Amino acid sequence: QAAGVAASVRAGAARLSFHLYNTEEEVDS
């Protein structure tokens, strides 16, 4: 939230799913 990232977090757990449209720079961010 502080970083302005829209993410789904449930019960304190986040699920990140990487795909074709993602980049190494996004991972590093």
mmCIF file of all heavy atoms, coordinates in Angstrom:
data_MODEL
# 
_entry.id   MODEL 
# 
loop_
_atom_site.group_PDB 
_atom_site.id 
_atom_site.type_symbol 
_atom_site.label_atom_id 
_atom_site.label_alt_id 
_atom_site.label_comp_id 
_atom_site.label_asym_id 
_atom_site.label_entity_id 
_atom_site.label_seq_id 
_atom_site.pdbx_PDB_ins_code 
_atom_site.Cartn_x 
_atom_site.Cartn_y 
_atom_site.Cartn_z 
_atom_site.occupancy 
_atom_site.B_iso_or_equiv 
_atom_site.pdbx_formal_charge 
_atom_site.auth_seq_id 
_atom_site.auth_comp_id 
_atom_site.auth_asym_id 
_atom_site.auth_atom_id 
_atom_site.pdbx_PDB_model_num 
ATOM 1   N N   . GLN A 1 1  ? 0.829  -1.204  0.000   1.00 0.00 ? 1  GLN A N   1 
ATOM 2   C CA  . GLN A 1 1  ? 0.000  0.000   0.000   1.00 0.00 ? 1  GLN A CA  1 
ATOM 3   C C   . GLN A 1 1  ? 0.864  1.255   0.000   1.00 0.00 ? 1  GLN A C   1 
ATOM 4   O O   . GLN A 1 1  ? 0.601  2.200   -0.748  1.00 0.00 ? 1  GLN A O   1 
ATOM 5   C CB  . GLN A 1 1  ? -0.938 0.012   1.210   1.00 0.00 ? 1  GLN A CB  1 
ATOM 6   C CG  . GLN A 1 1  ? -2.107 -0.930  1.080   1.00 0.00 ? 1  GLN A CG  1 
ATOM 7   C CD  . GLN A 1 1  ? -3.033 -0.870  2.280   1.00 0.00 ? 1  GLN A CD  1 
ATOM 8   O OE1 . GLN A 1 1  ? -3.033 0.095   3.042   1.00 0.00 ? 1  GLN A OE1 1 
ATOM 9   N NE2 . GLN A 1 1  ? -3.819 -1.916  2.463   1.00 0.00 ? 1  GLN A NE2 1 
ATOM 10  N N   . ALA A 1 2  ? 1.895  1.290   0.839   1.00 0.00 ? 2  ALA A N   1 
ATOM 11  C CA  . ALA A 1 2  ? 2.777  2.452   0.929   1.00 0.00 ? 2  ALA A CA  1 
ATOM 12  C C   . ALA A 1 2  ? 3.500  2.708   -0.388  1.00 0.00 ? 2  ALA A C   1 
ATOM 13  O O   . ALA A 1 2  ? 3.795  3.857   -0.734  1.00 0.00 ? 2  ALA A O   1 
ATOM 14  C CB  . ALA A 1 2  ? 3.789  2.266   2.060   1.00 0.00 ? 2  ALA A CB  1 
ATOM 15  N N   . ALA A 1 3  ? 3.778  1.656   -1.146  1.00 0.00 ? 3  ALA A N   1 
ATOM 16  C CA  . ALA A 1 3  ? 4.475  1.787   -2.428  1.00 0.00 ? 3  ALA A CA  1 
ATOM 17  C C   . ALA A 1 3  ? 3.509  2.029   -3.582  1.00 0.00 ? 3  ALA A C   1 
ATOM 18  O O   . ALA A 1 3  ? 3.935  2.202   -4.720  1.00 0.00 ? 3  ALA A O   1 
ATOM 19  C CB  . ALA A 1 3  ? 5.305  0.532   -2.700  1.00 0.00 ? 3  ALA A CB  1 
ATOM 20  N N   . GLY A 1 4  ? 2.203  2.016   -3.293  1.00 0.00 ? 4  GLY A N   1 
ATOM 21  C CA  . GLY A 1 4  ? 1.214  2.230   -4.345  1.00 0.00 ? 4  GLY A CA  1 
ATOM 22  C C   . GLY A 1 4  ? 0.994  1.020   -5.230  1.00 0.00 ? 4  GLY A C   1 
ATOM 23  O O   . GLY A 1 4  ? 0.555  1.149   -6.362  1.00 0.00 ? 4  GLY A O   1 
ATOM 24  N N   . VAL A 1 5  ? 1.308  -0.159  -4.706  1.00 0.00 ? 5  VAL A N   1 
ATOM 25  C CA  . VAL A 1 5  ? 1.144  -1.391  -5.465  1.00 0.00 ? 5  VAL A CA  1 
ATOM 26  C C   . VAL A 1 5  ? -0.216 -1.998  -5.144  1.00 0.00 ? 5  VAL A C   1 
ATOM 27  O O   . VAL A 1 5  ? -0.536 -2.215  -3.976  1.00 0.00 ? 5  VAL A O   1 
ATOM 28  C CB  . VAL A 1 5  ? 2.261  -2.412  -5.120  1.00 0.00 ? 5  VAL A CB  1 
ATOM 29  C CG1 . VAL A 1 5  ? 2.009  -3.746  -5.795  1.00 0.00 ? 5  VAL A CG1 1 
ATOM 30  C CG2 . VAL A 1 5  ? 3.617  -1.850  -5.498  1.00 0.00 ? 5  VAL A CG2 1 
ATOM 31  N N   . ALA A 1 6  ? -1.001 -2.251  -6.181  1.00 0.00 ? 6  ALA A N   1 
ATOM 32  C CA  . ALA A 1 6  ? -2.278 -2.934  -5.989  1.00 0.00 ? 6  ALA A CA  1 
ATOM 33  C C   . ALA A 1 6  ? -1.996 -4.422  -5.953  1.00 0.00 ? 6  ALA A C   1 
ATOM 34  O O   . ALA A 1 6  ? -1.529 -4.999  -6.935  1.00 0.00 ? 6  ALA A O   1 
ATOM 35  C CB  . ALA A 1 6  ? -3.238 -2.603  -7.119  1.00 0.00 ? 6  ALA A CB  1 
ATOM 36  N N   . ALA A 1 7  ? -2.220 -5.025  -4.808  1.00 0.00 ? 7  ALA A N   1 
ATOM 37  C CA  . ALA A 1 7  ? -1.933 -6.450  -4.648  1.00 0.00 ? 7  ALA A CA  1 
ATOM 38  C C   . ALA A 1 7  ? -3.002 -7.087  -3.785  1.00 0.00 ? 7  ALA A C   1 
ATOM 39  O O   . ALA A 1 7  ? -3.612 -6.427  -2.946  1.00 0.00 ? 7  ALA A O   1 
ATOM 40  C CB  . ALA A 1 7  ? -0.562 -6.641  -4.006  1.00 0.00 ? 7  ALA A CB  1 
ATOM 41  N N   . SER A 1 8  ? -3.199 -8.353  -4.006  1.00 0.00 ? 8  SER A N   1 
ATOM 42  C CA  . SER A 1 8  ? -4.145 -9.109  -3.205  1.00 0.00 ? 8  SER A CA  1 
ATOM 43  C C   . SER A 1 8  ? -3.384 -9.817  -2.094  1.00 0.00 ? 8  SER A C   1 
ATOM 44  O O   . SER A 1 8  ? -2.535 -10.666 -2.353  1.00 0.00 ? 8  SER A O   1 
ATOM 45  C CB  . SER A 1 8  ? -4.869 -10.130 -4.085  1.00 0.00 ? 8  SER A CB  1 
ATOM 46  O OG  . SER A 1 8  ? -5.760 -10.885 -3.307  1.00 0.00 ? 8  SER A OG  1 
ATOM 47  N N   . VAL A 1 9  ? -3.685 -9.424  -0.865  1.00 0.00 ? 9  VAL A N   1 
ATOM 48  C CA  . VAL A 1 9  ? -3.057 -10.031 0.300   1.00 0.00 ? 9  VAL A CA  1 
ATOM 49  C C   . VAL A 1 9  ? -4.188 -10.557 1.175   1.00 0.00 ? 9  VAL A C   1 
ATOM 50  O O   . VAL A 1 9  ? -5.092 -9.817  1.537   1.00 0.00 ? 9  VAL A O   1 
ATOM 51  C CB  . VAL A 1 9  ? -2.192 -9.019  1.074   1.00 0.00 ? 9  VAL A CB  1 
ATOM 52  C CG1 . VAL A 1 9  ? -1.572 -9.669  2.299   1.00 0.00 ? 9  VAL A CG1 1 
ATOM 53  C CG2 . VAL A 1 9  ? -1.113 -8.435  0.177   1.00 0.00 ? 9  VAL A CG2 1 
ATOM 54  N N   . ARG A 1 10 ? -4.117 -11.834 1.484   1.00 0.00 ? 10 ARG A N   1 
ATOM 55  C CA  . ARG A 1 10 ? -5.147 -12.444 2.332   1.00 0.00 ? 10 ARG A CA  1 
ATOM 56  C C   . ARG A 1 10 ? -4.490 -13.096 3.529   1.00 0.00 ? 10 ARG A C   1 
ATOM 57  O O   . ARG A 1 10 ? -3.541 -13.875 3.369   1.00 0.00 ? 10 ARG A O   1 
ATOM 58  C CB  . ARG A 1 10 ? -5.932 -13.474 1.531   1.00 0.00 ? 10 ARG A CB  1 
ATOM 59  C CG  . ARG A 1 10 ? -6.785 -12.832 0.440   1.00 0.00 ? 10 ARG A CG  1 
ATOM 60  C CD  . ARG A 1 10 ? -7.616 -13.888 -0.282  1.00 0.00 ? 10 ARG A CD  1 
ATOM 61  N NE  . ARG A 1 10 ? -8.443 -13.283 -1.300  1.00 0.00 ? 10 ARG A NE  1 
ATOM 62  C CZ  . ARG A 1 10 ? -8.070 -13.045 -2.548  1.00 0.00 ? 10 ARG A CZ  1 
ATOM 63  N NH1 . ARG A 1 10 ? -6.842 -13.334 -2.931  1.00 0.00 ? 10 ARG A NH1 1 
ATOM 64  N NH2 . ARG A 1 10 ? -8.901 -12.490 -3.403  1.00 0.00 ? 10 ARG A NH2 1 
ATOM 65  N N   . ALA A 1 11 ? -4.989 -12.739 4.705   1.00 0.00 ? 11 ALA A N   1 
ATOM 66  C CA  . ALA A 1 11 ? -4.483 -13.301 5.967   1.00 0.00 ? 11 ALA A CA  1 
ATOM 67  C C   . ALA A 1 11 ? -2.966 -13.133 6.067   1.00 0.00 ? 11 ALA A C   1 
ATOM 68  O O   . ALA A 1 11 ? -2.262 -14.009 6.530   1.00 0.00 ? 11 ALA A O   1 
ATOM 69  C CB  . ALA A 1 11 ? -4.885 -14.769 6.102   1.00 0.00 ? 11 ALA A CB  1 
ATOM 70  N N   . GLY A 1 12 ? -2.459 -12.001 5.598   1.00 0.00 ? 12 GLY A N   1 
ATOM 71  C CA  . GLY A 1 12 ? -1.032 -11.707 5.687   1.00 0.00 ? 12 GLY A CA  1 
ATOM 72  C C   . GLY A 1 12 ? -0.168 -12.369 4.632   1.00 0.00 ? 12 GLY A C   1 
ATOM 73  O O   . GLY A 1 12 ? 1.045  -12.234 4.653   1.00 0.00 ? 12 GLY A O   1 
ATOM 74  N N   . ALA A 1 13 ? -0.779 -13.082 3.699   1.00 0.00 ? 13 ALA A N   1 
ATOM 75  C CA  . ALA A 1 13 ? -0.004 -13.783 2.666   1.00 0.00 ? 13 ALA A CA  1 
ATOM 76  C C   . ALA A 1 13 ? -0.283 -13.163 1.297   1.00 0.00 ? 13 ALA A C   1 
ATOM 77  O O   . ALA A 1 13 ? -1.423 -12.872 0.949   1.00 0.00 ? 13 ALA A O   1 
ATOM 78  C CB  . ALA A 1 13 ? -0.351 -15.261 2.646   1.00 0.00 ? 13 ALA A CB  1 
ATOM 79  N N   . ALA A 1 14 ? 0.781  -12.951 0.538   1.00 0.00 ? 14 ALA A N   1 
ATOM 80  C CA  . ALA A 1 14 ? 0.667  -12.427 -0.821  1.00 0.00 ? 14 ALA A CA  1 
ATOM 81  C C   . ALA A 1 14 ? 1.035  -13.528 -1.799  1.00 0.00 ? 14 ALA A C   1 
ATOM 82  O O   . ALA A 1 14 ? 1.908  -14.351 -1.530  1.00 0.00 ? 14 ALA A O   1 
ATOM 83  C CB  . ALA A 1 14 ? 1.596  -11.234 -1.013  1.00 0.00 ? 14 ALA A CB  1 
ATOM 84  N N   . ARG A 1 15 ? 0.368  -13.523 -2.934  1.00 0.00 ? 15 ARG A N   1 
ATOM 85  C CA  . ARG A 1 15 ? 0.647  -14.486 -3.998  1.00 0.00 ? 15 ARG A CA  1 
ATOM 86  C C   . ARG A 1 15 ? 1.144  -13.706 -5.190  1.00 0.00 ? 15 ARG A C   1 
ATOM 87  O O   . ARG A 1 15 ? 0.420  -12.886 -5.751  1.00 0.00 ? 15 ARG A O   1 
ATOM 88  C CB  . ARG A 1 15 ? -0.619 -15.259 -4.360  1.00 0.00 ? 15 ARG A CB  1 
ATOM 89  C CG  . ARG A 1 15 ? -0.441 -16.257 -5.477  1.00 0.00 ? 15 ARG A CG  1 
ATOM 90  C CD  . ARG A 1 15 ? -1.793 -16.868 -5.833  1.00 0.00 ? 15 ARG A CD  1 
ATOM 91  N NE  . ARG A 1 15 ? -1.701 -17.837 -6.880  1.00 0.00 ? 15 ARG A NE  1 
ATOM 92  C CZ  . ARG A 1 15 ? -1.797 -17.572 -8.178  1.00 0.00 ? 15 ARG A CZ  1 
ATOM 93  N NH1 . ARG A 1 15 ? -1.983 -16.330 -8.583  1.00 0.00 ? 15 ARG A NH1 1 
ATOM 94  N NH2 . ARG A 1 15 ? -1.715 -18.526 -9.070  1.00 0.00 ? 15 ARG A NH2 1 
ATOM 95  N N   . LEU A 1 16 ? 2.394  -13.953 -5.571  1.00 0.00 ? 16 LEU A N   1 
ATOM 96  C CA  . LEU A 1 16 ? 2.976  -13.303 -6.735  1.00 0.00 ? 16 LEU A CA  1 
ATOM 97  C C   . LEU A 1 16 ? 3.085  -14.334 -7.842  1.00 0.00 ? 16 LEU A C   1 
ATOM 98  O O   . LEU A 1 16 ? 3.595  -15.425 -7.629  1.00 0.00 ? 16 LEU A O   1 
ATOM 99  C CB  . LEU A 1 16 ? 4.360  -12.743 -6.399  1.00 0.00 ? 16 LEU A CB  1 
ATOM 100 C CG  . LEU A 1 16 ? 4.369  -11.593 -5.401  1.00 0.00 ? 16 LEU A CG  1 
ATOM 101 C CD1 . LEU A 1 16 ? 4.431  -12.126 -3.984  1.00 0.00 ? 16 LEU A CD1 1 
ATOM 102 C CD2 . LEU A 1 16 ? 5.524  -10.684 -5.678  1.00 0.00 ? 16 LEU A CD2 1 
ATOM 103 N N   . SER A 1 17 ? 2.587  -13.972 -9.009  1.00 0.00 ? 17 SER A N   1 
ATOM 104 C CA  . SER A 1 17 ? 2.597  -14.886 -10.147 1.00 0.00 ? 17 SER A CA  1 
ATOM 105 C C   . SER A 1 17 ? 3.277  -14.185 -11.318 1.00 0.00 ? 17 SER A C   1 
ATOM 106 O O   . SER A 1 17 ? 2.778  -13.182 -11.821 1.00 0.00 ? 17 SER A O   1 
ATOM 107 C CB  . SER A 1 17 ? 1.157  -15.255 -10.509 1.00 0.00 ? 17 SER A CB  1 
ATOM 108 O OG  . SER A 1 17 ? 1.141  -16.147 -11.592 1.00 0.00 ? 17 SER A OG  1 
ATOM 109 N N   . PHE A 1 18 ? 4.418  -14.698 -11.727 1.00 0.00 ? 18 PHE A N   1 
ATOM 110 C CA  . PHE A 1 18 ? 5.213  -14.083 -12.775 1.00 0.00 ? 18 PHE A CA  1 
ATOM 111 C C   . PHE A 1 18 ? 4.835  -14.675 -14.131 1.00 0.00 ? 18 PHE A C   1 
ATOM 112 O O   . PHE A 1 18 ? 4.558  -15.867 -14.240 1.00 0.00 ? 18 PHE A O   1 
ATOM 113 C CB  . PHE A 1 18 ? 6.699  -14.283 -12.481 1.00 0.00 ? 18 PHE A CB  1 
ATOM 114 C CG  . PHE A 1 18 ? 7.101  -13.627 -11.184 1.00 0.00 ? 18 PHE A CG  1 
ATOM 115 C CD1 . PHE A 1 18 ? 7.095  -14.333 -9.995  1.00 0.00 ? 18 PHE A CD1 1 
ATOM 116 C CD2 . PHE A 1 18 ? 7.449  -12.294 -11.167 1.00 0.00 ? 18 PHE A CD2 1 
ATOM 117 C CE1 . PHE A 1 18 ? 7.441  -13.720 -8.798  1.00 0.00 ? 18 PHE A CE1 1 
ATOM 118 C CE2 . PHE A 1 18 ? 7.799  -11.668 -9.974  1.00 0.00 ? 18 PHE A CE2 1 
ATOM 119 C CZ  . PHE A 1 18 ? 7.792  -12.387 -8.794  1.00 0.00 ? 18 PHE A CZ  1 
ATOM 120 N N   . HIS A 1 19 ? 4.842  -13.806 -15.163 1.00 0.00 ? 19 HIS A N   1 
ATOM 121 C CA  . HIS A 1 19 ? 4.430  -14.279 -16.483 1.00 0.00 ? 19 HIS A CA  1 
ATOM 122 C C   . HIS A 1 19 ? 5.209  -13.556 -17.578 1.00 0.00 ? 19 HIS A C   1 
ATOM 123 O O   . HIS A 1 19 ? 6.069  -12.724 -17.300 1.00 0.00 ? 19 HIS A O   1 
ATOM 124 C CB  . HIS A 1 19 ? 2.929  -14.094 -16.678 1.00 0.00 ? 19 HIS A CB  1 
ATOM 125 C CG  . HIS A 1 19 ? 2.317  -15.138 -17.570 1.00 0.00 ? 19 HIS A CG  1 
ATOM 126 N ND1 . HIS A 1 19 ? 2.907  -15.593 -18.730 1.00 0.00 ? 19 HIS A ND1 1 
ATOM 127 C CD2 . HIS A 1 19 ? 1.148  -15.819 -17.480 1.00 0.00 ? 19 HIS A CD2 1 
ATOM 128 C CE1 . HIS A 1 19 ? 2.136  -16.490 -19.310 1.00 0.00 ? 19 HIS A CE1 1 
ATOM 129 N NE2 . HIS A 1 19 ? 1.061  -16.641 -18.571 1.00 0.00 ? 19 HIS A NE2 1 
ATOM 130 N N   . LEU A 1 20 ? 4.874  -13.881 -18.798 1.00 0.00 ? 20 LEU A N   1 
ATOM 131 C CA  . LEU A 1 20 ? 5.563  -13.399 -19.985 1.00 0.00 ? 20 LEU A CA  1 
ATOM 132 C C   . LEU A 1 20 ? 5.717  -11.881 -20.007 1.00 0.00 ? 20 LEU A C   1 
ATOM 133 O O   . LEU A 1 20 ? 6.733  -11.350 -20.433 1.00 0.00 ? 20 LEU A O   1 
ATOM 134 C CB  . LEU A 1 20 ? 4.802  -13.868 -21.232 1.00 0.00 ? 20 LEU A CB  1 
ATOM 135 C CG  . LEU A 1 20 ? 5.333  -13.424 -22.577 1.00 0.00 ? 20 LEU A CG  1 
ATOM 136 C CD1 . LEU A 1 20 ? 6.755  -13.944 -22.790 1.00 0.00 ? 20 LEU A CD1 1 
ATOM 137 C CD2 . LEU A 1 20 ? 4.425  -13.916 -23.689 1.00 0.00 ? 20 LEU A CD2 1 
ATOM 138 N N   . TYR A 1 21 ? 4.706  -11.172 -19.546 1.00 0.00 ? 21 TYR A N   1 
ATOM 139 C CA  . TYR A 1 21 ? 4.707  -9.711  -19.610 1.00 0.00 ? 21 TYR A CA  1 
ATOM 140 C C   . TYR A 1 21 ? 5.515  -9.061  -18.486 1.00 0.00 ? 21 TYR A C   1 
ATOM 141 O O   . TYR A 1 21 ? 5.648  -7.840  -18.462 1.00 0.00 ? 21 TYR A O   1 
ATOM 142 C CB  . TYR A 1 21 ? 3.269  -9.168  -19.598 1.00 0.00 ? 21 TYR A CB  1 
ATOM 143 C CG  . TYR A 1 21 ? 2.380  -9.875  -18.606 1.00 0.00 ? 21 TYR A CG  1 
ATOM 144 C CD1 . TYR A 1 21 ? 2.451  -9.604  -17.249 1.00 0.00 ? 21 TYR A CD1 1 
ATOM 145 C CD2 . TYR A 1 21 ? 1.488  -10.843 -19.046 1.00 0.00 ? 21 TYR A CD2 1 
ATOM 146 C CE1 . TYR A 1 21 ? 1.652  -10.265 -16.348 1.00 0.00 ? 21 TYR A CE1 1 
ATOM 147 C CE2 . TYR A 1 21 ? 0.673  -11.511 -18.150 1.00 0.00 ? 21 TYR A CE2 1 
ATOM 148 C CZ  . TYR A 1 21 ? 0.766  -11.215 -16.800 1.00 0.00 ? 21 TYR A CZ  1 
ATOM 149 O OH  . TYR A 1 21 ? -0.028 -11.885 -15.913 1.00 0.00 ? 21 TYR A OH  1 
ATOM 150 N N   . ASN A 1 22 ? 6.046  -9.838  -17.541 1.00 0.00 ? 22 ASN A N   1 
ATOM 151 C CA  . ASN A 1 22 ? 6.870  -9.291  -16.466 1.00 0.00 ? 22 ASN A CA  1 
ATOM 152 C C   . ASN A 1 22 ? 8.337  -9.252  -16.871 1.00 0.00 ? 22 ASN A C   1 
ATOM 153 O O   . ASN A 1 22 ? 8.785  -10.033 -17.710 1.00 0.00 ? 22 ASN A O   1 
ATOM 154 C CB  . ASN A 1 22 ? 6.710  -10.117 -15.181 1.00 0.00 ? 22 ASN A CB  1 
ATOM 155 C CG  . ASN A 1 22 ? 5.305  -10.042 -14.627 1.00 0.00 ? 22 ASN A CG  1 
ATOM 156 O OD1 . ASN A 1 22 ? 4.646  -11.055 -14.490 1.00 0.00 ? 22 ASN A OD1 1 
ATOM 157 N ND2 . ASN A 1 22 ? 4.840  -8.850  -14.322 1.00 0.00 ? 22 ASN A ND2 1 
ATOM 158 N N   . THR A 1 23 ? 9.071  -8.335  -16.242 1.00 0.00 ? 23 THR A N   1 
ATOM 159 C CA  . THR A 1 23 ? 10.489 -8.149  -16.546 1.00 0.00 ? 23 THR A CA  1 
ATOM 160 C C   . THR A 1 23 ? 11.338 -8.309  -15.292 1.00 0.00 ? 23 THR A C   1 
ATOM 161 O O   . THR A 1 23 ? 10.818 -8.254  -14.167 1.00 0.00 ? 23 THR A O   1 
ATOM 162 C CB  . THR A 1 23 ? 10.738 -6.743  -17.113 1.00 0.00 ? 23 THR A CB  1 
ATOM 163 O OG1 . THR A 1 23 ? 10.460 -5.771  -16.080 1.00 0.00 ? 23 THR A OG1 1 
ATOM 164 C CG2 . THR A 1 23 ? 9.880  -6.471  -18.339 1.00 0.00 ? 23 THR A CG2 1 
ATOM 165 N N   . GLU A 1 24 ? 12.636 -8.472  -15.494 1.00 0.00 ? 24 GLU A N   1 
ATOM 166 C CA  . GLU A 1 24 ? 13.563 -8.537  -14.362 1.00 0.00 ? 24 GLU A CA  1 
ATOM 167 C C   . GLU A 1 24 ? 13.518 -7.236  -13.566 1.00 0.00 ? 24 GLU A C   1 
ATOM 168 O O   . GLU A 1 24 ? 13.629 -7.252  -12.345 1.00 0.00 ? 24 GLU A O   1 
ATOM 169 C CB  . GLU A 1 24 ? 14.982 -8.817  -14.851 1.00 0.00 ? 24 GLU A CB  1 
ATOM 170 C CG  . GLU A 1 24 ? 15.171 -10.218 -15.375 1.00 0.00 ? 24 GLU A CG  1 
ATOM 171 C CD  . GLU A 1 24 ? 16.593 -10.501 -15.822 1.00 0.00 ? 24 GLU A CD  1 
ATOM 172 O OE1 . GLU A 1 24 ? 17.417 -9.559  -15.918 1.00 0.00 ? 24 GLU A OE1 1 
ATOM 173 O OE2 . GLU A 1 24 ? 16.888 -11.688 -16.078 1.00 0.00 ? 24 GLU A OE2 1 
ATOM 174 N N   . GLU A 1 25 ? 13.354 -6.113  -14.245 1.00 0.00 ? 25 GLU A N   1 
ATOM 175 C CA  . GLU A 1 25 ? 13.285 -4.818  -13.561 1.00 0.00 ? 25 GLU A CA  1 
ATOM 176 C C   . GLU A 1 25 ? 12.074 -4.752  -12.630 1.00 0.00 ? 25 GLU A C   1 
ATOM 177 O O   . GLU A 1 25 ? 12.167 -4.195  -11.528 1.00 0.00 ? 25 GLU A O   1 
ATOM 178 C CB  . GLU A 1 25 ? 13.238 -3.673  -14.581 1.00 0.00 ? 25 GLU A CB  1 
ATOM 179 C CG  . GLU A 1 25 ? 14.516 -3.493  -15.369 1.00 0.00 ? 25 GLU A CG  1 
ATOM 180 C CD  . GLU A 1 25 ? 14.722 -4.494  -16.511 1.00 0.00 ? 25 GLU A CD  1 
ATOM 181 O OE1 . GLU A 1 25 ? 13.749 -5.169  -16.932 1.00 0.00 ? 25 GLU A OE1 1 
ATOM 182 O OE2 . GLU A 1 25 ? 15.870 -4.625  -16.965 1.00 0.00 ? 25 GLU A OE2 1 
ATOM 183 N N   . GLU A 1 26 ? 10.970 -5.337  -13.043 1.00 0.00 ? 26 GLU A N   1 
ATOM 184 C CA  . GLU A 1 26 ? 9.789  -5.361  -12.182 1.00 0.00 ? 26 GLU A CA  1 
ATOM 185 C C   . GLU A 1 26 ? 10.030 -6.239  -10.960 1.00 0.00 ? 26 GLU A C   1 
ATOM 186 O O   . GLU A 1 26 ? 9.624  -5.895  -9.844  1.00 0.00 ? 26 GLU A O   1 
ATOM 187 C CB  . GLU A 1 26 ? 8.568  -5.841  -12.960 1.00 0.00 ? 26 GLU A CB  1 
ATOM 188 C CG  . GLU A 1 26 ? 8.099  -4.836  -13.989 1.00 0.00 ? 26 GLU A CG  1 
ATOM 189 C CD  . GLU A 1 26 ? 7.027  -5.362  -14.907 1.00 0.00 ? 26 GLU A CD  1 
ATOM 190 O OE1 . GLU A 1 26 ? 7.057  -6.554  -15.281 1.00 0.00 ? 26 GLU A OE1 1 
ATOM 191 O OE2 . GLU A 1 26 ? 6.157  -4.557  -15.264 1.00 0.00 ? 26 GLU A OE2 1 
ATOM 192 N N   . VAL A 1 27 ? 10.696 -7.362  -11.164 1.00 0.00 ? 27 VAL A N   1 
ATOM 193 C CA  . VAL A 1 27 ? 11.038 -8.233  -10.037 1.00 0.00 ? 27 VAL A CA  1 
ATOM 194 C C   . VAL A 1 27 ? 11.913 -7.455  -9.051  1.00 0.00 ? 27 VAL A C   1 
ATOM 195 O O   . VAL A 1 27 ? 11.675 -7.464  -7.838  1.00 0.00 ? 27 VAL A O   1 
ATOM 196 C CB  . VAL A 1 27 ? 11.765 -9.511  -10.514 1.00 0.00 ? 27 VAL A CB  1 
ATOM 197 C CG1 . VAL A 1 27 ? 12.283 -10.314 -9.333  1.00 0.00 ? 27 VAL A CG1 1 
ATOM 198 C CG2 . VAL A 1 27 ? 10.845 -10.354 -11.377 1.00 0.00 ? 27 VAL A CG2 1 
ATOM 199 N N   . ASP A 1 28 ? 12.917 -6.761  -9.569  1.00 0.00 ? 28 ASP A N   1 
ATOM 200 C CA  . ASP A 1 28 ? 13.815 -5.990  -8.709  1.00 0.00 ? 28 ASP A CA  1 
ATOM 201 C C   . ASP A 1 28 ? 13.069 -4.882  -7.969  1.00 0.00 ? 28 ASP A C   1 
ATOM 202 O O   . ASP A 1 28 ? 13.374 -4.593  -6.809  1.00 0.00 ? 28 ASP A O   1 
ATOM 203 C CB  . ASP A 1 28 ? 14.962 -5.405  -9.531  1.00 0.00 ? 28 ASP A CB  1 
ATOM 204 C CG  . ASP A 1 28 ? 15.868 -6.483  -10.109 1.00 0.00 ? 28 ASP A CG  1 
ATOM 205 O OD1 . ASP A 1 28 ? 15.826 -7.647  -9.625  1.00 0.00 ? 28 ASP A OD1 1 
ATOM 206 O OD2 . ASP A 1 28 ? 16.621 -6.170  -11.048 1.00 0.00 ? 28 ASP A OD2 1 
ATOM 207 N N   . SER A 1 29 ? 12.072 -4.278  -8.611  1.00 0.00 ? 29 SER A N   1 
ATOM 208 C CA  . SER A 1 29 ? 11.272 -3.248  -7.953  1.00 0.00 ? 29 SER A CA  1 
ATOM 209 C C   . SER A 1 29 ? 10.507 -3.812  -6.763  1.00 0.00 ? 29 SER A C   1 
ATOM 210 O O   . SER A 1 29 ? 10.441 -3.194  -5.701  1.00 0.00 ? 29 SER A O   1 
ATOM 211 C CB  . SER A 1 29 ? 10.280 -2.616  -8.939  1.00 0.00 ? 29 SER A CB  1 
ATOM 212 O OG  . SER A 1 29 ? 10.964 -1.894  -9.923  1.00 0.00 ? 29 SER A OG  1 
# 
